[in-house]
Amino acid sequence: MNTKDYNRTLFELSPIGLALFTMDGTVIDCNGAYAGITGRTREETIGLTYWELTPNVYDEMAKEIMATLTRTGSFQHYEKHYSHRDGHLVYTENQFSNIRDANGLVTGFMSIGRDITTRKQTELEIAQAEAFSKVMTAHLHPDGRWLKAAPRLGTML
């Protein structure tokens, strides 16, 4: 297997989402993992733009990313949502780096991303449980008696 075929196989089989974009944000290639994040097939994803795949709330951050890519060649650890085809948001962790042609000119960028929705949901649930525990603890006497009614628990006490 030659290097080009080997690299293509790695690209296609990676469990991490990989996409190649033009500098105007159009997807020119992606693997199945990236397409899966968007809820589309690879063929449906190619030709879409970053702006079609990303909620508008990230517009200012995208400008910062493009400026950093132009200046330094990469942008590390960026968490954002992608818009899934069915309308729900997929939370992702991303990195971006420039793609250069044989003459060293920047022709686009690569996005490396993975779905972290489950992790973010778990972190939120843990934070909520910790907050609930603090509220409950604040309303207990050291001997276990309730000092006062805890908020949002009403008649349960």
N, C-alpha and C. Protein backbone atom coordinates (compact mmCIF):
# COMPACT_ATOMS: atom_id res chain seq x y z
N MET A 1 0.85 -1.17 0.00
CA MET A 1 0.00 0.00 0.00
C MET A 1 0.90 1.23 0.00
N ASN A 2 0.61 2.16 -0.90
CA ASN A 2 1.42 3.37 -0.94
C ASN A 2 0.96 4.37 0.13
N THR A 3 1.74 5.40 0.33
CA THR A 3 1.48 6.36 1.40
C THR A 3 0.13 7.05 1.22
N LYS A 4 -0.20 7.41 -0.02
CA LYS A 4 -1.47 8.09 -0.28
C LYS A 4 -2.66 7.19 0.10
N ASP A 5 -2.61 5.93 -0.29
CA ASP A 5 -3.69 4.99 0.05
C ASP A 5 -3.76 4.76 1.56
N TYR A 6 -2.59 4.65 2.18
CA TYR A 6 -2.53 4.44 3.62
C TYR A 6 -3.16 5.62 4.36
N ASN A 7 -2.78 6.85 3.97
CA ASN A 7 -3.34 8.04 4.60
C ASN A 7 -4.84 8.13 4.39
N ARG A 8 -5.31 7.78 3.19
CA ARG A 8 -6.75 7.83 2.91
C ARG A 8 -7.49 6.82 3.79
N THR A 9 -6.91 5.65 3.97
CA THR A 9 -7.53 4.62 4.81
C THR A 9 -7.62 5.11 6.25
N LEU A 10 -6.55 5.70 6.77
CA LEU A 10 -6.57 6.26 8.12
C LEU A 10 -7.65 7.33 8.25
N PHE A 11 -7.73 8.19 7.26
CA PHE A 11 -8.72 9.27 7.25
C PHE A 11 -10.13 8.69 7.32
N GLU A 12 -10.43 7.74 6.48
CA GLU A 12 -11.78 7.19 6.39
C GLU A 12 -12.16 6.35 7.61
N LEU A 13 -11.20 5.63 8.19
CA LEU A 13 -11.52 4.72 9.29
C LEU A 13 -11.39 5.34 10.68
N SER A 14 -10.93 6.57 10.75
CA SER A 14 -10.76 7.22 12.05
C SER A 14 -12.10 7.34 12.77
N PRO A 15 -12.12 7.01 14.08
CA PRO A 15 -13.34 7.21 14.86
C PRO A 15 -13.53 8.68 15.25
N ILE A 16 -12.52 9.49 15.00
CA ILE A 16 -12.57 10.93 15.25
C ILE A 16 -13.05 11.61 13.97
N GLY A 17 -13.92 12.59 14.11
CA GLY A 17 -14.41 13.31 12.94
C GLY A 17 -13.32 14.14 12.30
N LEU A 18 -13.14 13.97 11.00
CA LEU A 18 -12.14 14.72 10.24
C LEU A 18 -12.83 15.35 9.03
N ALA A 19 -12.57 16.63 8.82
CA ALA A 19 -13.15 17.33 7.66
C ALA A 19 -12.13 18.31 7.11
N LEU A 20 -12.14 18.46 5.80
CA LEU A 20 -11.30 19.42 5.12
C LEU A 20 -12.20 20.52 4.58
N PHE A 21 -11.81 21.78 4.81
CA PHE A 21 -12.59 22.94 4.41
C PHE A 21 -11.76 23.84 3.51
N THR A 22 -12.42 24.56 2.61
CA THR A 22 -11.77 25.67 1.93
C THR A 22 -11.71 26.81 2.93
N MET A 23 -10.95 27.84 2.64
CA MET A 23 -10.83 28.95 3.58
C MET A 23 -12.14 29.73 3.72
N ASP A 24 -13.08 29.57 2.78
CA ASP A 24 -14.38 30.22 2.95
C ASP A 24 -15.35 29.36 3.76
N GLY A 25 -14.88 28.18 4.23
CA GLY A 25 -15.69 27.35 5.11
C GLY A 25 -16.50 26.26 4.45
N THR A 26 -16.24 25.94 3.19
CA THR A 26 -16.98 24.87 2.51
C THR A 26 -16.29 23.53 2.74
N VAL A 27 -17.08 22.52 3.12
CA VAL A 27 -16.54 21.17 3.32
C VAL A 27 -16.18 20.59 1.96
N ILE A 28 -14.91 20.21 1.79
CA ILE A 28 -14.50 19.58 0.53
C ILE A 28 -14.25 18.08 0.69
N ASP A 29 -14.12 17.62 1.92
CA ASP A 29 -13.99 16.19 2.19
C ASP A 29 -14.23 15.98 3.68
N CYS A 30 -14.72 14.80 4.03
CA CYS A 30 -14.90 14.45 5.43
C CYS A 30 -14.97 12.94 5.55
N ASN A 31 -14.78 12.45 6.75
CA ASN A 31 -14.92 11.01 6.96
C ASN A 31 -16.31 10.73 7.54
N GLY A 32 -16.61 9.46 7.70
CA GLY A 32 -17.91 9.06 8.21
C GLY A 32 -18.18 9.55 9.62
N ALA A 33 -17.14 9.60 10.45
CA ALA A 33 -17.32 10.06 11.83
C ALA A 33 -17.75 11.52 11.87
N TYR A 34 -17.17 12.35 11.03
CA TYR A 34 -17.56 13.76 10.97
C TYR A 34 -18.99 13.89 10.44
N ALA A 35 -19.29 13.18 9.37
CA ALA A 35 -20.64 13.22 8.80
C ALA A 35 -21.66 12.77 9.84
N GLY A 36 -21.30 11.75 10.63
CA GLY A 36 -22.20 11.25 11.68
C GLY A 36 -22.52 12.30 12.72
N ILE A 37 -21.56 13.15 13.05
CA ILE A 37 -21.79 14.23 14.01
C ILE A 37 -22.88 15.15 13.49
N THR A 38 -22.93 15.35 12.19
CA THR A 38 -23.93 16.25 11.59
C THR A 38 -25.23 15.53 11.25
N GLY A 39 -25.25 14.20 11.41
CA GLY A 39 -26.45 13.43 11.10
C GLY A 39 -26.68 13.24 9.62
N ARG A 40 -25.62 13.35 8.86
CA ARG A 40 -25.71 13.23 7.41
C ARG A 40 -24.75 12.16 6.91
N THR A 41 -24.89 11.82 5.65
CA THR A 41 -23.90 10.95 5.02
C THR A 41 -22.72 11.82 4.61
N ARG A 42 -21.65 11.18 4.28
CA ARG A 42 -20.46 11.90 3.80
C ARG A 42 -20.82 12.73 2.56
N GLU A 43 -21.56 12.12 1.64
CA GLU A 43 -21.93 12.80 0.40
C GLU A 43 -22.82 14.02 0.67
N GLU A 44 -23.70 13.92 1.66
CA GLU A 44 -24.57 15.04 2.00
C GLU A 44 -23.82 16.16 2.70
N THR A 45 -22.74 15.83 3.39
CA THR A 45 -21.98 16.82 4.16
C THR A 45 -21.05 17.61 3.25
N ILE A 46 -20.43 16.93 2.30
CA ILE A 46 -19.52 17.62 1.37
C ILE A 46 -20.31 18.66 0.59
N GLY A 47 -19.79 19.88 0.57
CA GLY A 47 -20.44 20.99 -0.11
C GLY A 47 -21.18 21.92 0.84
N LEU A 48 -21.50 21.44 2.05
CA LEU A 48 -22.09 22.33 3.04
C LEU A 48 -21.02 23.27 3.57
N THR A 49 -21.44 24.33 4.20
CA THR A 49 -20.47 25.26 4.76
C THR A 49 -20.46 25.16 6.28
N TYR A 50 -19.38 25.62 6.85
CA TYR A 50 -19.25 25.71 8.31
C TYR A 50 -20.46 26.42 8.88
N TRP A 51 -20.92 27.45 8.18
CA TRP A 51 -22.03 28.29 8.66
C TRP A 51 -23.35 27.53 8.64
N GLU A 52 -23.49 26.57 7.73
CA GLU A 52 -24.71 25.75 7.69
C GLU A 52 -24.69 24.67 8.78
N LEU A 53 -23.51 24.30 9.24
CA LEU A 53 -23.36 23.23 10.22
C LEU A 53 -23.23 23.73 11.65
N THR A 54 -23.10 25.04 11.82
CA THR A 54 -22.81 25.61 13.13
C THR A 54 -23.84 26.67 13.50
N PRO A 55 -24.38 26.62 14.71
CA PRO A 55 -25.33 27.65 15.15
C PRO A 55 -24.70 29.04 15.10
N ASN A 56 -25.52 30.05 14.82
CA ASN A 56 -25.04 31.43 14.67
C ASN A 56 -24.32 31.97 15.90
N VAL A 57 -24.60 31.42 17.07
CA VAL A 57 -23.97 31.90 18.30
C VAL A 57 -22.44 31.81 18.22
N TYR A 58 -21.92 30.99 17.32
CA TYR A 58 -20.47 30.81 17.19
C TYR A 58 -19.84 31.70 16.11
N ASP A 59 -20.59 32.61 15.52
CA ASP A 59 -20.07 33.44 14.43
C ASP A 59 -18.83 34.24 14.84
N GLU A 60 -18.89 34.89 15.99
CA GLU A 60 -17.74 35.70 16.44
C GLU A 60 -16.52 34.82 16.73
N MET A 61 -16.76 33.66 17.36
CA MET A 61 -15.66 32.74 17.64
C MET A 61 -15.05 32.24 16.34
N ALA A 62 -15.87 32.00 15.33
CA ALA A 62 -15.35 31.53 14.03
C ALA A 62 -14.42 32.57 13.42
N LYS A 63 -14.76 33.83 13.56
CA LYS A 63 -13.87 34.89 13.05
C LYS A 63 -12.52 34.86 13.77
N GLU A 64 -12.58 34.65 15.09
CA GLU A 64 -11.35 34.56 15.87
C GLU A 64 -10.51 33.35 15.44
N ILE A 65 -11.19 32.23 15.21
CA ILE A 65 -10.49 31.02 14.77
C ILE A 65 -9.81 31.26 13.43
N MET A 66 -10.53 31.85 12.49
CA MET A 66 -9.94 32.10 11.17
C MET A 66 -8.75 33.05 11.27
N ALA A 67 -8.84 34.06 12.11
CA ALA A 67 -7.71 34.98 12.29
C ALA A 67 -6.52 34.25 12.89
N THR A 68 -6.77 33.40 13.88
CA THR A 68 -5.69 32.63 14.51
C THR A 68 -5.10 31.64 13.53
N LEU A 69 -5.95 30.97 12.75
CA LEU A 69 -5.43 30.04 11.74
C LEU A 69 -4.52 30.76 10.75
N THR A 70 -4.95 31.93 10.31
CA THR A 70 -4.16 32.70 9.36
C THR A 70 -2.82 33.12 9.97
N ARG A 71 -2.87 33.52 11.24
CA ARG A 71 -1.67 34.01 11.92
C ARG A 71 -0.72 32.89 12.35
N THR A 72 -1.27 31.79 12.91
CA THR A 72 -0.40 30.77 13.53
C THR A 72 -0.43 29.41 12.85
N GLY A 73 -1.46 29.15 12.06
CA GLY A 73 -1.54 27.86 11.37
C GLY A 73 -2.38 26.81 12.10
N SER A 74 -2.81 27.11 13.35
CA SER A 74 -3.65 26.14 14.06
C SER A 74 -4.48 26.84 15.13
N PHE A 75 -5.49 26.14 15.58
CA PHE A 75 -6.33 26.59 16.68
C PHE A 75 -6.66 25.36 17.50
N GLN A 76 -6.25 25.34 18.74
CA GLN A 76 -6.36 24.15 19.58
C GLN A 76 -7.56 24.19 20.51
N HIS A 77 -8.08 23.05 20.81
CA HIS A 77 -9.13 22.80 21.80
C HIS A 77 -10.22 23.86 21.82
N TYR A 78 -11.17 23.65 20.98
CA TYR A 78 -12.31 24.54 20.84
C TYR A 78 -13.56 23.69 21.00
N GLU A 79 -14.38 24.00 21.99
CA GLU A 79 -15.63 23.28 22.19
C GLU A 79 -16.76 24.08 21.58
N LYS A 80 -17.60 23.40 20.82
CA LYS A 80 -18.72 24.06 20.16
C LYS A 80 -19.79 23.04 19.85
N HIS A 81 -20.93 23.54 19.41
CA HIS A 81 -22.01 22.67 18.97
C HIS A 81 -22.03 22.61 17.45
N TYR A 82 -22.43 21.46 16.94
CA TYR A 82 -22.79 21.33 15.53
C TYR A 82 -24.30 21.14 15.49
N SER A 83 -24.91 21.62 14.42
CA SER A 83 -26.34 21.41 14.22
C SER A 83 -26.55 20.07 13.52
N HIS A 84 -27.17 19.15 14.22
CA HIS A 84 -27.50 17.84 13.65
C HIS A 84 -28.65 18.01 12.66
N ARG A 85 -28.69 17.16 11.68
CA ARG A 85 -29.73 17.22 10.66
C ARG A 85 -31.13 17.24 11.28
N ASP A 86 -31.35 16.50 12.38
CA ASP A 86 -32.68 16.42 12.98
C ASP A 86 -32.99 17.61 13.89
N GLY A 87 -32.04 18.55 14.01
CA GLY A 87 -32.29 19.76 14.77
C GLY A 87 -31.64 19.83 16.14
N HIS A 88 -31.25 18.70 16.72
CA HIS A 88 -30.61 18.78 18.04
C HIS A 88 -29.15 19.21 17.88
N LEU A 89 -28.59 19.68 18.97
CA LEU A 89 -27.20 20.13 18.95
C LEU A 89 -26.28 19.03 19.45
N VAL A 90 -25.14 18.89 18.80
CA VAL A 90 -24.13 17.91 19.17
C VAL A 90 -22.92 18.69 19.70
N TYR A 91 -22.56 18.45 20.94
CA TYR A 91 -21.43 19.15 21.56
C TYR A 91 -20.14 18.47 21.12
N THR A 92 -19.19 19.24 20.62
CA THR A 92 -17.94 18.67 20.12
C THR A 92 -16.73 19.39 20.68
N GLU A 93 -15.63 18.66 20.69
CA GLU A 93 -14.31 19.19 21.04
C GLU A 93 -13.52 19.18 19.75
N ASN A 94 -12.89 20.30 19.38
CA ASN A 94 -12.29 20.44 18.05
C ASN A 94 -10.89 21.03 18.09
N GLN A 95 -10.18 20.79 17.02
CA GLN A 95 -8.91 21.43 16.71
C GLN A 95 -8.95 21.77 15.23
N PHE A 96 -8.27 22.82 14.85
CA PHE A 96 -8.20 23.20 13.46
C PHE A 96 -6.75 23.44 13.09
N SER A 97 -6.40 23.11 11.86
CA SER A 97 -5.06 23.43 11.38
C SER A 97 -5.12 23.70 9.88
N ASN A 98 -4.19 24.54 9.43
CA ASN A 98 -4.15 24.92 8.02
C ASN A 98 -3.74 23.76 7.13
N ILE A 99 -4.21 23.81 5.90
CA ILE A 99 -3.76 22.91 4.84
C ILE A 99 -3.03 23.77 3.83
N ARG A 100 -1.84 23.34 3.47
CA ARG A 100 -1.03 24.10 2.52
C ARG A 100 -0.81 23.30 1.24
N ASP A 101 -0.70 24.01 0.13
CA ASP A 101 -0.39 23.34 -1.13
C ASP A 101 1.12 23.12 -1.24
N ALA A 102 1.56 22.57 -2.36
CA ALA A 102 2.98 22.26 -2.56
C ALA A 102 3.87 23.49 -2.48
N ASN A 103 3.31 24.66 -2.73
CA ASN A 103 4.09 25.91 -2.68
C ASN A 103 4.03 26.57 -1.30
N GLY A 104 3.36 25.94 -0.36
CA GLY A 104 3.28 26.48 0.99
C GLY A 104 2.14 27.46 1.21
N LEU A 105 1.30 27.65 0.20
CA LEU A 105 0.17 28.58 0.34
C LEU A 105 -0.98 27.89 1.06
N VAL A 106 -1.62 28.60 1.97
CA VAL A 106 -2.76 28.07 2.70
C VAL A 106 -3.94 27.99 1.75
N THR A 107 -4.49 26.78 1.61
CA THR A 107 -5.62 26.57 0.71
C THR A 107 -6.90 26.19 1.46
N GLY A 108 -6.77 25.89 2.73
CA GLY A 108 -7.94 25.50 3.50
C GLY A 108 -7.53 25.13 4.91
N PHE A 109 -8.43 24.44 5.60
CA PHE A 109 -8.11 24.00 6.95
C PHE A 109 -8.76 22.66 7.23
N MET A 110 -8.19 21.97 8.20
CA MET A 110 -8.71 20.68 8.63
C MET A 110 -9.34 20.85 10.00
N SER A 111 -10.50 20.24 10.17
CA SER A 111 -11.17 20.21 11.47
C SER A 111 -11.07 18.79 12.00
N ILE A 112 -10.63 18.67 13.23
CA ILE A 112 -10.56 17.39 13.93
C ILE A 112 -11.50 17.51 15.11
N GLY A 113 -12.53 16.68 15.14
CA GLY A 113 -13.51 16.84 16.20
C GLY A 113 -14.09 15.52 16.68
N ARG A 114 -14.54 15.56 17.93
CA ARG A 114 -15.20 14.37 18.46
C ARG A 114 -16.42 14.79 19.27
N ASP A 115 -17.41 13.95 19.24
CA ASP A 115 -18.67 14.19 19.93
C ASP A 115 -18.45 13.99 21.43
N ILE A 116 -18.69 15.05 22.20
CA ILE A 116 -18.55 14.97 23.66
C ILE A 116 -19.88 15.26 24.36
N THR A 117 -20.98 15.08 23.64
CA THR A 117 -22.30 15.37 24.18
C THR A 117 -22.56 14.58 25.46
N THR A 118 -22.28 13.28 25.45
CA THR A 118 -22.52 12.44 26.63
C THR A 118 -21.70 12.93 27.81
N ARG A 119 -20.44 13.25 27.57
CA ARG A 119 -19.59 13.75 28.65
C ARG A 119 -20.12 15.05 29.22
N LYS A 120 -20.54 15.97 28.37
CA LYS A 120 -21.07 17.25 28.83
C LYS A 120 -22.36 17.06 29.61
N GLN A 121 -23.22 16.13 29.16
CA GLN A 121 -24.46 15.86 29.89
C GLN A 121 -24.15 15.29 31.27
N THR A 122 -23.18 14.39 31.34
CA THR A 122 -22.78 13.80 32.63
C THR A 122 -22.22 14.88 33.56
N GLU A 123 -21.39 15.77 33.04
CA GLU A 123 -20.84 16.86 33.84
C GLU A 123 -21.95 17.74 34.38
N LEU A 124 -22.97 18.03 33.56
CA LEU A 124 -24.09 18.83 34.01
C LEU A 124 -24.87 18.13 35.11
N GLU A 125 -25.11 16.85 34.94
CA GLU A 125 -25.84 16.08 35.96
C GLU A 125 -25.08 16.03 37.29
N ILE A 126 -23.77 15.88 37.22
CA ILE A 126 -22.94 15.88 38.44
C ILE A 126 -23.02 17.25 39.12
N ALA A 127 -22.91 18.32 38.34
CA ALA A 127 -22.98 19.68 38.90
C ALA A 127 -24.34 19.92 39.56
N GLN A 128 -25.40 19.44 38.93
CA GLN A 128 -26.74 19.61 39.51
C GLN A 128 -26.86 18.81 40.81
N ALA A 129 -26.33 17.60 40.82
CA ALA A 129 -26.39 16.77 42.03
C ALA A 129 -25.58 17.41 43.16
N GLU A 130 -24.42 17.97 42.84
CA GLU A 130 -23.61 18.64 43.85
C GLU A 130 -24.32 19.87 44.41
N ALA A 131 -24.97 20.63 43.53
CA ALA A 131 -25.71 21.82 43.98
C ALA A 131 -26.87 21.40 44.87
N PHE A 132 -27.58 20.35 44.49
CA PHE A 132 -28.68 19.85 45.31
C PHE A 132 -28.18 19.40 46.67
N SER A 133 -27.05 18.69 46.67
CA SER A 133 -26.47 18.21 47.93
C SER A 133 -26.09 19.37 48.84
N LYS A 134 -25.53 20.43 48.28
CA LYS A 134 -25.16 21.61 49.08
C LYS A 134 -26.39 22.26 49.69
N VAL A 135 -27.46 22.37 48.90
CA VAL A 135 -28.70 22.96 49.41
C VAL A 135 -29.24 22.11 50.56
N MET A 136 -29.28 20.81 50.36
CA MET A 136 -29.81 19.93 51.39
C MET A 136 -28.94 19.97 52.65
N THR A 137 -27.65 19.95 52.50
CA THR A 137 -26.73 19.98 53.63
C THR A 137 -26.87 21.28 54.41
N ALA A 138 -27.10 22.37 53.71
CA ALA A 138 -27.23 23.67 54.36
C ALA A 138 -28.48 23.74 55.24
N HIS A 139 -29.42 22.82 55.02
CA HIS A 139 -30.66 22.83 55.78
C HIS A 139 -30.72 21.74 56.85
N LEU A 140 -29.62 21.09 57.10
CA LEU A 140 -29.57 20.04 58.13
C LEU A 140 -28.78 20.49 59.35
N HIS A 141 -29.27 20.14 60.50
CA HIS A 141 -28.55 20.33 61.76
C HIS A 141 -27.57 19.17 61.85
N PRO A 142 -26.45 19.32 62.54
CA PRO A 142 -25.49 18.21 62.66
C PRO A 142 -26.10 16.92 63.21
N ASP A 143 -27.17 17.03 64.01
CA ASP A 143 -27.78 15.81 64.53
C ASP A 143 -28.81 15.20 63.56
N GLY A 144 -28.94 15.79 62.37
CA GLY A 144 -29.81 15.22 61.35
C GLY A 144 -31.18 15.85 61.27
N ARG A 145 -31.53 16.79 62.17
CA ARG A 145 -32.82 17.46 62.11
C ARG A 145 -32.79 18.56 61.06
N TRP A 146 -33.97 18.82 60.48
CA TRP A 146 -34.08 19.92 59.52
C TRP A 146 -34.08 21.24 60.26
N LEU A 147 -33.25 22.17 59.81
CA LEU A 147 -33.22 23.51 60.40
C LEU A 147 -34.34 24.37 59.84
N LYS A 148 -34.60 24.24 58.57
CA LYS A 148 -35.65 25.01 57.90
C LYS A 148 -36.01 24.28 56.62
N ALA A 149 -37.08 24.68 56.03
CA ALA A 149 -37.52 24.03 54.79
C ALA A 149 -36.53 24.34 53.68
N ALA A 150 -36.14 23.31 52.97
CA ALA A 150 -35.23 23.48 51.84
C ALA A 150 -36.02 23.98 50.64
N PRO A 151 -35.43 24.84 49.83
CA PRO A 151 -36.12 25.33 48.65
C PRO A 151 -36.49 24.20 47.69
N ARG A 152 -37.62 24.34 47.03
CA ARG A 152 -38.09 23.43 45.98
C ARG A 152 -38.46 22.05 46.49
N LEU A 153 -38.45 21.81 47.80
CA LEU A 153 -38.82 20.51 48.30
C LEU A 153 -40.18 20.53 48.98
N GLY A 154 -40.67 21.72 49.29
CA GLY A 154 -42.00 21.93 49.83
C GLY A 154 -42.44 20.91 50.84
N THR A 155 -43.53 20.17 50.54
CA THR A 155 -44.15 19.26 51.50
C THR A 155 -43.41 17.96 51.67
N MET A 156 -42.36 17.73 50.91
CA MET A 156 -41.61 16.48 51.05
C MET A 156 -40.92 16.41 52.41
N LEU A 157 -40.70 17.56 53.03
CA LEU A 157 -40.02 17.59 54.33
C LEU A 157 -41.06 17.43 55.38
